[in-house]
C-alpha atoms as a PDB file:
ATOM      1  CA  MET A   1      45.041 185.077 -33.961  1.00  0.00           C
ATOM      2  CA  LYS A   2      41.343 183.914 -33.724  1.00  0.00           C
ATOM      3  CA  GLN A   3      40.389 185.189 -36.904  1.00  0.00           C
ATOM      4  CA  ASN A   4      43.662 183.475 -38.558  1.00  0.00           C
ATOM      5  CA  ILE A   5      42.316 180.161 -37.075  1.00  0.00           C
ATOM      6  CA  LYS A   6      38.826 180.881 -38.437  1.00  0.00           C
ATOM      7  CA  LYS A   7      40.328 181.567 -41.663  1.00  0.00           C
ATOM      8  CA  ILE A   8      41.859 178.235 -41.858  1.00  0.00           C
ATOM      9  CA  ARG A   9      39.223 176.418 -40.779  1.00  0.00           C
ATOM     10  CA  ASP A  10      36.505 178.083 -43.218  1.00  0.00           C
ATOM     11  CA  GLY A  11      39.049 177.469 -46.059  1.00  0.00           C
ATOM     12  CA  LEU A  12      39.575 173.943 -45.343  1.00  0.00           C
ATOM     13  CA  ALA A  13      35.893 172.986 -44.482  1.00  0.00           C
ATOM     14  CA  GLY A  14      34.641 170.642 -46.926  1.00  0.00           C
ATOM     15  CA  ILE A  15      37.783 169.362 -48.216  1.00  0.00           C
ATOM     16  CA  TYR A  16      39.388 167.836 -45.095  1.00  0.00           C
ATOM     17  CA  SER A  17      37.683 166.163 -41.769  1.00  0.00           C
ATOM     18  CA  LYS A  18      37.430 168.009 -38.524  1.00  0.00           C
ATOM     19  CA  GLY A  19      40.374 166.125 -36.988  1.00  0.00           C
ATOM     20  CA  GLU A  20      42.677 166.666 -39.978  1.00  0.00           C
ATOM     21  CA  ILE A  21      41.759 170.525 -39.935  1.00  0.00           C
ATOM     22  CA  ASP A  22      42.256 170.648 -36.012  1.00  0.00           C
ATOM     23  CA  ALA A  23      45.678 168.977 -36.532  1.00  0.00           C
ATOM     24  CA  MET A  24      46.617 171.374 -39.473  1.00  0.00           C
ATOM     25  CA  VAL A  25      45.743 174.444 -37.353  1.00  0.00           C
ATOM     26  CA  ARG A  26      48.234 172.981 -34.626  1.00  0.00           C
ATOM     27  CA  ILE A  27      51.092 172.369 -36.887  1.00  0.00           C
ATOM     28  CA  ILE A  28      50.670 175.743 -38.780  1.00  0.00           C
ATOM     29  CA  PHE A  29      51.037 177.721 -35.450  1.00  0.00           C
ATOM     30  CA  GLU A  30      53.812 175.402 -33.980  1.00  0.00           C
ATOM     31  CA  ARG A  31      55.953 175.663 -36.949  1.00  0.00           C
ATOM     32  CA  LEU A  32      55.199 179.456 -37.983  1.00  0.00           C
ATOM     33  CA  MET A  33      54.841 180.755 -34.421  1.00  0.00           C
ATOM     34  CA  GLY A  34      56.314 178.514 -32.093  1.00  0.00           C
ATOM     35  CA  TYR A  35      52.878 178.194 -30.358  1.00  0.00           C
ATOM     36  CA  SER A  36      52.071 174.839 -28.404  1.00  0.00           C
ATOM     37  CA  THR A  37      48.397 174.042 -28.397  1.00  0.00           C
ATOM     38  CA  VAL A  38      48.444 175.345 -24.554  1.00  0.00           C
ATOM     39  CA  ASP A  39      49.953 178.734 -26.114  1.00  0.00           C
ATOM     40  CA  MET A  40      47.114 178.844 -28.592  1.00  0.00           C
ATOM     41  CA  VAL A  41      44.559 178.914 -25.896  1.00  0.00           C
ATOM     42  CA  LEU A  42      46.351 181.313 -23.456  1.00  0.00           C
ATOM     43  CA  ARG A  43      47.402 183.761 -26.616  1.00  0.00           C
ATOM     44  CA  ALA A  44      44.039 183.426 -28.579  1.00  0.00           C
ATOM     45  CA  ASP A  45      43.719 187.280 -28.505  1.00  0.00           C
ATOM     46  CA  THR A  46      47.367 187.851 -30.065  1.00  0.00           C
ATOM     47  CA  GLU A  47      47.845 189.795 -33.165  1.00  0.00           C
ATOM     48  CA  VAL A  48      49.425 187.632 -35.679  1.00  0.00           C
ATOM     49  CA  PRO A  49      52.137 189.815 -37.759  1.00  0.00           C
ATOM     50  CA  ASP A  50      51.249 190.419 -41.167  1.00  0.00           C
ATOM     51  CA  PHE A  51      53.911 188.414 -42.691  1.00  0.00           C
ATOM     52  CA  ILE A  52      52.992 185.298 -40.871  1.00  0.00           C
ATOM     53  CA  ALA A  53      49.378 186.049 -41.639  1.00  0.00           C
ATOM     54  CA  ALA A  54      50.604 185.926 -45.331  1.00  0.00           C
ATOM     55  CA  LYS A  55      52.327 182.607 -44.835  1.00  0.00           C
ATOM     56  CA  ILE A  56      48.869 181.174 -43.240  1.00  0.00           C
ATOM     57  CA  ASP A  57      47.113 182.456 -46.149  1.00  0.00           C
ATOM     58  CA  ASP A  58      49.597 180.743 -48.487  1.00  0.00           C
ATOM     59  CA  ALA A  59      49.313 177.518 -46.483  1.00  0.00           C
ATOM     60  CA  VAL A  60      45.689 177.588 -46.878  1.00  0.00           C
ATOM     61  CA  ALA A  61      45.596 178.111 -50.711  1.00  0.00           C
ATOM     62  CA  ARG A  62      47.894 175.107 -51.103  1.00  0.00           C
ATOM     63  CA  LEU A  63      46.321 173.016 -48.845  1.00  0.00           C
ATOM     64  CA  GLN A  64      43.129 173.483 -50.809  1.00  0.00           C
ATOM     65  CA  ARG A  65      45.333 172.049 -53.829  1.00  0.00           C
ATOM     66  CA  HIS A  66      45.906 169.065 -51.419  1.00  0.00           C
ATOM     67  CA  GLU A  67      49.586 169.634 -51.325  1.00  0.00           C
ATOM     68  CA  PRO A  68      50.954 167.963 -48.212  1.00  0.00           C
ATOM     69  CA  ILE A  69      51.294 170.165 -45.196  1.00  0.00           C
ATOM     70  CA  GLN A  70      55.142 168.869 -45.034  1.00  0.00           C
ATOM     71  CA  TYR A  71      55.875 170.239 -48.333  1.00  0.00           C
ATOM     72  CA  ILE A  72      54.270 173.837 -47.526  1.00  0.00           C
ATOM     73  CA  LEU A  73      56.079 174.263 -44.185  1.00  0.00           C
ATOM     74  CA  ASP A  74      59.477 172.163 -45.291  1.00  0.00           C
ATOM     75  CA  ASP A  75      59.094 170.190 -42.234  1.00  0.00           C
ATOM     76  CA  ALA A  76      58.350 166.351 -41.409  1.00  0.00           C
ATOM     77  CA  TYR A  77      58.268 165.049 -37.747  1.00  0.00           C
ATOM     78  CA  PHE A  78      59.882 161.528 -37.499  1.00  0.00           C
ATOM     79  CA  TYR A  79      61.371 159.673 -34.610  1.00  0.00           C
ATOM     80  CA  GLY A  80      61.405 162.700 -32.277  1.00  0.00           C
ATOM     81  CA  LEU A  81      63.061 164.879 -35.027  1.00  0.00           C
ATOM     82  CA  HIS A  82      62.045 167.602 -37.465  1.00  0.00           C
ATOM     83  CA  PHE A  83      63.608 166.767 -40.760  1.00  0.00           C
ATOM     84  CA  HIS A  84      63.502 169.148 -44.169  1.00  0.00           C
ATOM     85  CA  VAL A  85      61.194 167.871 -46.978  1.00  0.00           C
ATOM     86  CA  ASN A  86      60.462 168.773 -50.351  1.00  0.00           C
ATOM     87  CA  ARG A  87      59.124 167.454 -53.506  1.00  0.00           C
ATOM     88  CA  SER A  88      62.695 165.590 -54.104  1.00  0.00           C
ATOM     89  CA  THR A  89      62.044 163.328 -51.035  1.00  0.00           C
ATOM     90  CA  LEU A  90      59.164 161.086 -49.798  1.00  0.00           C
ATOM     91  CA  ILE A  91      57.579 162.550 -46.446  1.00  0.00           C
ATOM     92  CA  PRO A  92      58.520 159.913 -43.699  1.00  0.00           C
ATOM     93  CA  ARG A  93      55.670 157.747 -42.381  1.00  0.00           C
ATOM     94  CA  PRO A  94      55.142 156.475 -39.023  1.00  0.00           C
ATOM     95  CA  GLU A  95      55.409 152.890 -40.036  1.00  0.00           C
ATOM     96  CA  THR A  96      59.091 153.763 -40.808  1.00  0.00           C
ATOM     97  CA  GLU A  97      59.659 154.596 -37.253  1.00  0.00           C
ATOM     98  CA  GLN A  98      58.879 150.980 -36.440  1.00  0.00           C
ATOM     99  CA  LEU A  99      61.740 149.859 -38.750  1.00  0.00           C
ATOM    100  CA  ILE A 100      64.104 152.219 -36.659  1.00  0.00           C
ATOM    101  CA  ASP A 101      62.732 150.671 -33.192  1.00  0.00           C
ATOM    102  CA  LEU A 102      63.415 146.946 -34.843  1.00  0.00           C
ATOM    103  CA  ILE A 103      67.000 147.751 -35.596  1.00  0.00           C
ATOM    104  CA  VAL A 104      67.206 149.677 -32.248  1.00  0.00           C
ATOM    105  CA  LYS A 105      65.614 146.447 -30.210  1.00  0.00           C
ATOM    106  CA  HIS A 106      68.259 143.998 -31.919  1.00  0.00           C
ATOM    107  CA  HIS A 107      71.313 145.876 -32.251  1.00  0.00           C
ATOM    108  CA  GLY A 108      70.863 148.918 -29.852  1.00  0.00           C
ATOM    109  CA  SER A 109      73.558 147.670 -27.186  1.00  0.00           C
ATOM    110  CA  THR A 110      76.148 146.837 -29.865  1.00  0.00           C
ATOM    111  CA  PRO A 111      78.644 149.562 -30.411  1.00  0.00           C
ATOM    112  CA  ASP A 112      80.588 150.521 -33.426  1.00  0.00           C
ATOM    113  CA  LEU A 113      78.288 149.040 -36.142  1.00  0.00           C
ATOM    114  CA  HIS A 114      78.536 149.860 -39.813  1.00  0.00           C
ATOM    115  CA  VAL A 115      75.278 150.644 -41.128  1.00  0.00           C
ATOM    116  CA  LEU A 116      73.962 151.476 -44.899  1.00  0.00           C
ATOM    117  CA  ASP A 117      70.668 152.880 -45.645  1.00  0.00           C
ATOM    118  CA  ILE A 118      69.683 152.640 -49.363  1.00  0.00           C
ATOM    119  CA  GLY A 119      67.381 154.954 -51.010  1.00  0.00           C
ATOM    120  CA  THR A 120      67.778 157.332 -48.268  1.00  0.00           C
ATOM    121  CA  GLY A 121      65.449 160.165 -49.435  1.00  0.00           C
ATOM    122  CA  SER A 122      65.309 162.895 -46.723  1.00  0.00           C
ATOM    123  CA  GLY A 123      67.883 160.774 -44.899  1.00  0.00           C
ATOM    124  CA  CYS A 124      65.295 160.139 -41.891  1.00  0.00           C
ATOM    125  CA  ILE A 125      66.453 156.568 -41.323  1.00  0.00           C
ATOM    126  CA  ALA A 126      70.175 157.221 -41.560  1.00  0.00           C
ATOM    127  CA  THR A 127      70.108 160.356 -39.337  1.00  0.00           C
ATOM    128  CA  ALA A 128      67.961 158.584 -36.795  1.00  0.00           C
ATOM    129  CA  LEU A 129      70.139 155.581 -36.564  1.00  0.00           C
ATOM    130  CA  ALA A 130      73.241 157.545 -36.476  1.00  0.00           C
ATOM    131  CA  ARG A 131      71.847 159.465 -33.447  1.00  0.00           C
ATOM    132  CA  THR A 132      70.158 156.589 -31.735  1.00  0.00           C
ATOM    133  CA  LEU A 133      73.044 153.733 -32.142  1.00  0.00           C
ATOM    134  CA  HIS A 134      76.156 153.734 -30.204  1.00  0.00           C
ATOM    135  CA  PHE A 135      78.944 155.132 -32.153  1.00  0.00           C
ATOM    136  CA  ALA A 136      77.710 153.973 -35.418  1.00  0.00           C
ATOM    137  CA  LYS A 137      79.270 154.373 -38.872  1.00  0.00           C
ATOM    138  CA  VAL A 138      76.574 155.242 -41.121  1.00  0.00           C
ATOM    139  CA  ASP A 139      76.552 155.540 -44.816  1.00  0.00           C
ATOM    140  CA  ALA A 140      73.448 156.291 -47.047  1.00  0.00           C
ATOM    141  CA  ILE A 141      72.790 156.426 -50.564  1.00  0.00           C
ATOM    142  CA  ASP A 142      70.075 157.550 -53.291  1.00  0.00           C
ATOM    143  CA  ILE A 143      69.607 157.765 -57.045  1.00  0.00           C
ATOM    144  CA  SER A 144      68.549 161.473 -56.303  1.00  0.00           C
ATOM    145  CA  PRO A 145      71.084 164.320 -55.940  1.00  0.00           C
ATOM    146  CA  ASP A 146      68.470 166.538 -55.043  1.00  0.00           C
ATOM    147  CA  ALA A 147      67.159 164.017 -52.242  1.00  0.00           C
ATOM    148  CA  ILE A 148      70.956 163.805 -51.142  1.00  0.00           C
ATOM    149  CA  ALA A 149      71.073 167.383 -50.728  1.00  0.00           C
ATOM    150  CA  VAL A 150      68.352 167.527 -48.444  1.00  0.00           C
ATOM    151  CA  ALA A 151      69.430 164.419 -46.498  1.00  0.00           C
ATOM    152  CA  GLU A 152      72.929 166.238 -46.223  1.00  0.00           C
ATOM    153  CA  ARG A 153      71.145 169.313 -44.884  1.00  0.00           C
ATOM    154  CA  ASN A 154      68.786 167.335 -42.388  1.00  0.00           C
ATOM    155  CA  ALA A 155      72.211 165.365 -40.729  1.00  0.00           C
ATOM    156  CA  LYS A 156      73.989 168.487 -40.670  1.00  0.00           C
ATOM    157  CA  GLU A 157      71.274 170.506 -38.701  1.00  0.00           C
ATOM    158  CA  LEU A 158      70.575 167.208 -36.485  1.00  0.00           C
ATOM    159  CA  LYS A 159      74.374 166.907 -35.631  1.00  0.00           C
ATOM    160  CA  ALA A 160      74.203 163.200 -37.096  1.00  0.00           C
ATOM    161  CA  LYS A 161      77.410 161.963 -38.637  1.00  0.00           C
ATOM    162  CA  VAL A 162      76.357 160.351 -41.922  1.00  0.00           C
ATOM    163  CA  ARG A 163      78.249 160.108 -45.301  1.00  0.00           C
ATOM    164  CA  PHE A 164      75.859 160.342 -47.940  1.00  0.00           C
ATOM    165  CA  GLU A 165      76.449 159.433 -51.875  1.00  0.00           C
ATOM    166  CA  VAL A 166      74.674 159.672 -55.076  1.00  0.00           C
ATOM    167  CA  ALA A 167      74.188 156.173 -56.231  1.00  0.00           C
ATOM    168  CA  ASP A 168      71.845 153.842 -58.200  1.00  0.00           C
ATOM    169  CA  ILE A 169      71.461 150.400 -56.303  1.00  0.00           C
ATOM    170  CA  LEU A 170      70.344 148.599 -59.590  1.00  0.00           C
ATOM    171  CA  THR A 171      73.763 149.132 -60.871  1.00  0.00           C
ATOM    172  CA  ALA A 172      76.289 149.860 -57.871  1.00  0.00           C
ATOM    173  CA  GLN A 173      78.961 147.479 -57.089  1.00  0.00           C
ATOM    174  CA  PRO A 174      78.896 146.317 -53.543  1.00  0.00           C
ATOM    175  CA  PRO A 175      82.002 146.405 -51.143  1.00  0.00           C
ATOM    176  CA  ARG A 176      82.929 142.934 -49.833  1.00  0.00           C
ATOM    177  CA  ASP A 177      81.958 142.281 -46.005  1.00  0.00           C
ATOM    178  CA  ALA A 178      81.633 146.073 -45.130  1.00  0.00           C
ATOM    179  CA  TYR A 179      78.439 146.472 -43.285  1.00  0.00           C
ATOM    180  CA  ASP A 180      76.767 144.925 -40.073  1.00  0.00           C
ATOM    181  CA  ILE A 181      73.304 146.279 -41.144  1.00  0.00           C
ATOM    182  CA  ILE A 182      71.746 147.397 -44.256  1.00  0.00           C
ATOM    183  CA  VAL A 183      68.477 148.795 -44.327  1.00  0.00           C
ATOM    184  CA  SER A 184      66.097 150.034 -47.044  1.00  0.00           C
ATOM    185  CA  ASN A 185      62.460 151.305 -47.591  1.00  0.00           C
ATOM    186  CA  PRO A 186      62.824 151.172 -51.486  1.00  0.00           C
ATOM    187  CA  PRO A 187      59.863 151.820 -53.953  1.00  0.00           C
ATOM    188  CA  TYR A 188      57.374 149.108 -53.373  1.00  0.00           C
ATOM    189  CA  ILE A 189      53.991 150.456 -54.673  1.00  0.00           C
ATOM    190  CA  ALA A 190      52.815 148.321 -57.813  1.00  0.00           C
ATOM    191  CA  ALA A 191      51.634 151.052 -60.510  1.00  0.00           C
ATOM    192  CA  SER A 192      47.986 149.317 -60.598  1.00  0.00           C
ATOM    193  CA  GLU A 193      47.855 150.580 -57.020  1.00  0.00           C
ATOM    194  CA  GLN A 194      47.946 154.245 -57.714  1.00  0.00           C
ATOM    195  CA  ARG A 195      43.967 154.150 -58.246  1.00  0.00           C
ATOM    196  CA  ASP A 196      43.576 153.682 -54.524  1.00  0.00           C
ATOM    197  CA  MET A 197      45.812 156.184 -53.383  1.00  0.00           C
ATOM    198  CA  GLU A 198      45.359 159.677 -52.123  1.00  0.00           C
ATOM    199  CA  CYS A 199      45.592 162.563 -54.722  1.00  0.00           C
ATOM    200  CA  ASN A 200      48.120 164.512 -52.214  1.00  0.00           C
ATOM    201  CA  VAL A 201      50.371 161.704 -52.629  1.00  0.00           C
ATOM    202  CA  LEU A 202      50.023 161.120 -56.467  1.00  0.00           C
ATOM    203  CA  GLN A 203      50.374 164.815 -57.451  1.00  0.00           C
ATOM    204  CA  TYR A 204      53.132 165.849 -54.963  1.00  0.00           C
ATOM    205  CA  GLU A 205      55.532 162.974 -53.655  1.00  0.00           C
ATOM    206  CA  PRO A 206      58.339 161.590 -56.181  1.00  0.00           C
ATOM    207  CA  HIS A 207      57.115 158.608 -58.135  1.00  0.00           C
ATOM    208  CA  THR A 208      60.440 157.154 -58.568  1.00  0.00           C
ATOM    209  CA  ALA A 209      60.694 156.860 -54.981  1.00  0.00           C
ATOM    210  CA  LEU A 210      57.255 155.000 -54.835  1.00  0.00           C
ATOM    211  CA  PHE A 211      56.234 152.727 -57.594  1.00  0.00           C
ATOM    212  CA  VAL A 212      57.477 149.535 -59.345  1.00  0.00           C
ATOM    213  CA  PRO A 213      56.129 147.775 -62.451  1.00  0.00           C
ATOM    214  CA  ASP A 214      53.372 145.548 -61.895  1.00  0.00           C
ATOM    215  CA  ASP A 215      55.275 142.813 -63.467  1.00  0.00           C
ATOM    216  CA  ASN A 216      58.369 143.154 -61.210  1.00  0.00           C
ATOM    217  CA  PRO A 217      57.257 144.320 -57.913  1.00  0.00           C
ATOM    218  CA  LEU A 218      60.216 142.898 -56.160  1.00  0.00           C
ATOM    219  CA  LEU A 219      62.684 144.794 -58.586  1.00  0.00           C
ATOM    220  CA  PHE A 220      64.454 146.886 -55.705  1.00  0.00           C
ATOM    221  CA  TYR A 221      64.433 144.009 -53.105  1.00  0.00           C
ATOM    222  CA  ARG A 222      66.030 141.554 -55.569  1.00  0.00           C
ATOM    223  CA  ALA A 223      68.810 144.075 -56.257  1.00  0.00           C
ATOM    224  CA  ILE A 224      69.330 145.191 -52.618  1.00  0.00           C
ATOM    225  CA  THR A 225      69.360 141.468 -51.604  1.00  0.00           C
ATOM    226  CA  ALA A 226      72.117 140.414 -54.026  1.00  0.00           C
ATOM    227  CA  TYR A 227      73.811 143.633 -53.153  1.00  0.00           C
ATOM    228  CA  SER A 228      73.767 142.552 -49.490  1.00  0.00           C
ATOM    229  CA  LEU A 229      74.844 139.172 -49.954  1.00  0.00           C
ATOM    230  CA  THR A 230      78.314 140.651 -50.877  1.00  0.00           C
ATOM    231  CA  ALA A 231      78.181 143.854 -49.018  1.00  0.00           C
ATOM    232  CA  LEU A 232      77.109 142.559 -45.612  1.00  0.00           C
ATOM    233  CA  LYS A 233      79.605 141.035 -43.211  1.00  0.00           C
ATOM    234  CA  PRO A 234      78.973 137.167 -42.408  1.00  0.00           C
ATOM    235  CA  GLY A 235      76.120 137.427 -40.044  1.00  0.00           C
ATOM    236  CA  GLY A 236      75.063 140.878 -40.809  1.00  0.00           C
ATOM    237  CA  HIS A 237      71.444 141.812 -41.057  1.00  0.00           C
ATOM    238  CA  LEU A 238      69.054 143.177 -43.869  1.00  0.00           C
ATOM    239  CA  TYR A 239      66.297 145.020 -42.758  1.00  0.00           C
ATOM    240  CA  PHE A 240      63.361 146.031 -45.255  1.00  0.00           C
ATOM    241  CA  GLU A 241      60.281 147.901 -45.174  1.00  0.00           C
ATOM    242  CA  ILE A 242      57.728 145.925 -47.525  1.00  0.00           C
ATOM    243  CA  ASN A 243      54.553 145.753 -49.508  1.00  0.00           C
ATOM    244  CA  THR A 244      51.977 144.065 -47.227  1.00  0.00           C
ATOM    245  CA  ARG A 245      50.804 142.410 -50.587  1.00  0.00           C
ATOM    246  CA  PHE A 246      54.220 140.854 -51.439  1.00  0.00           C
ATOM    247  CA  ALA A 247      55.299 140.083 -47.930  1.00  0.00           C
ATOM    248  CA  ASP A 248      55.389 136.351 -48.547  1.00  0.00           C
ATOM    249  CA  ILE A 249      56.996 136.334 -51.830  1.00  0.00           C
ATOM    250  CA  THR A 250      59.498 138.795 -50.257  1.00  0.00           C
ATOM    251  CA  ALA A 251      60.439 136.275 -47.570  1.00  0.00           C
ATOM    252  CA  GLN A 252      60.437 133.479 -50.187  1.00  0.00           C
ATOM    253  CA  MET A 253      62.913 135.542 -52.234  1.00  0.00           C
ATOM    254  CA  LEU A 254      65.240 136.038 -49.452  1.00  0.00           C
ATOM    255  CA  THR A 255      65.447 132.573 -48.379  1.00  0.00           C
ATOM    256  CA  ASP A 256      65.898 131.446 -52.021  1.00  0.00           C
ATOM    257  CA  ALA A 257      68.786 134.067 -52.469  1.00  0.00           C
ATOM    258  CA  GLY A 258      70.479 132.095 -49.576  1.00  0.00           C
ATOM    259  CA  MET A 259      69.744 134.560 -46.503  1.00  0.00           C
ATOM    260  CA  GLU A 260      68.858 132.905 -43.434  1.00  0.00           C
ATOM    261  CA  GLU A 261      66.744 133.667 -40.378  1.00  0.00           C
ATOM    262  CA  VAL A 262      64.235 135.056 -42.510  1.00  0.00           C
ATOM    263  CA  LYS A 263      61.225 136.951 -40.568  1.00  0.00           C
ATOM    264  CA  ILE A 264      58.275 138.879 -41.515  1.00  0.00           C
ATOM    265  CA  GLU A 265      57.148 141.582 -38.680  1.00  0.00           C
ATOM    266  CA  LEU A 266      53.934 143.334 -38.262  1.00  0.00           C
ATOM    267  CA  ASP A 267      53.275 147.075 -38.021  1.00  0.00           C
ATOM    268  CA  TYR A 268      51.234 148.883 -35.485  1.00  0.00           C
ATOM    269  CA  THR A 269      48.221 148.086 -37.319  1.00  0.00           C
ATOM    270  CA  GLY A 270      48.914 144.189 -37.810  1.00  0.00           C
ATOM    271  CA  ARG A 271      50.190 144.361 -41.245  1.00  0.00           C
ATOM    272  CA  LYS A 272      53.166 142.647 -42.590  1.00  0.00           C
ATOM    273  CA  ARG A 273      55.238 145.520 -43.062  1.00  0.00           C
ATOM    274  CA  PHE A 274      58.740 144.356 -42.336  1.00  0.00           C
ATOM    275  CA  ALA A 275      61.350 141.916 -43.375  1.00  0.00           C
ATOM    276  CA  ILE A 276      64.742 140.723 -41.718  1.00  0.00           C
ATOM    277  CA  ALA A 277      67.231 138.460 -42.904  1.00  0.00           C
ATOM    278  CA  ARG A 278      70.583 137.544 -41.898  1.00  0.00           C
ATOM    279  CA  LYS A 279      73.817 136.828 -44.120  1.00  0.00           C
ATOM    280  CA  LYS A 280      75.032 133.422 -43.228  1.00  0.00           C
ATOM    281  CA  THR A 281      78.048 133.306 -41.541  1.00  0.00           C
ATOM    282  CA  GLN A 282      79.968 130.624 -43.912  1.00  0.00           C
END
């Protein structure tokens, strides 16, 4: 195993930082051999099977091309769970875990909630909520049939009951007074922001799930808010992950649309990352 680790380190040197390489070594051996960090120390002299060695070589070659390790290993860790991901889905981010935490904080003791996740991607939000909230009924939609297929697989393997549907939120017709909670992490990166982004995101993650036009950065937020004004039950809540650049105008849009108790919440780095709003009871 020592030789395999050295091969990973040598192959990635100069491309990634030492900390990133250390993390990749741990992730590769955890996913391919089931080894913990302690196992890697205790079993340092273990012979790696040829088929595993070939997978390691393939992973290194793909990492050299800046492909995300989550896509290489078909695995992303989110909210204590392992999710399948591929190039049809975004890789779940740590800040999105905070979106789950906000919902659980405010509604975790309430049973039988009806929840809708819009733009579900890998299904990470919907699945985490279905497993965490008490007896919740969770629905999820996405415009991509390929993403829905991944989300359905994840929910099934993680034993979460979620109803998935292919739908375009820009044209979808909302049911009336159906949901207690609507949550979404929609595309929110302005096209002009691409120049500041890492190449592993730009080259591999689905652009339809990332970017919005510079002249209409709230495209999906407006559509989801309009949908929610009908689809939420009176007093129901809308939760968004947002672009920090547009936090204030997002809050104003929600207020102008007729939502109440509009709040912006900070992420763990202190940035304005989440918006919460409530549908009026009358």
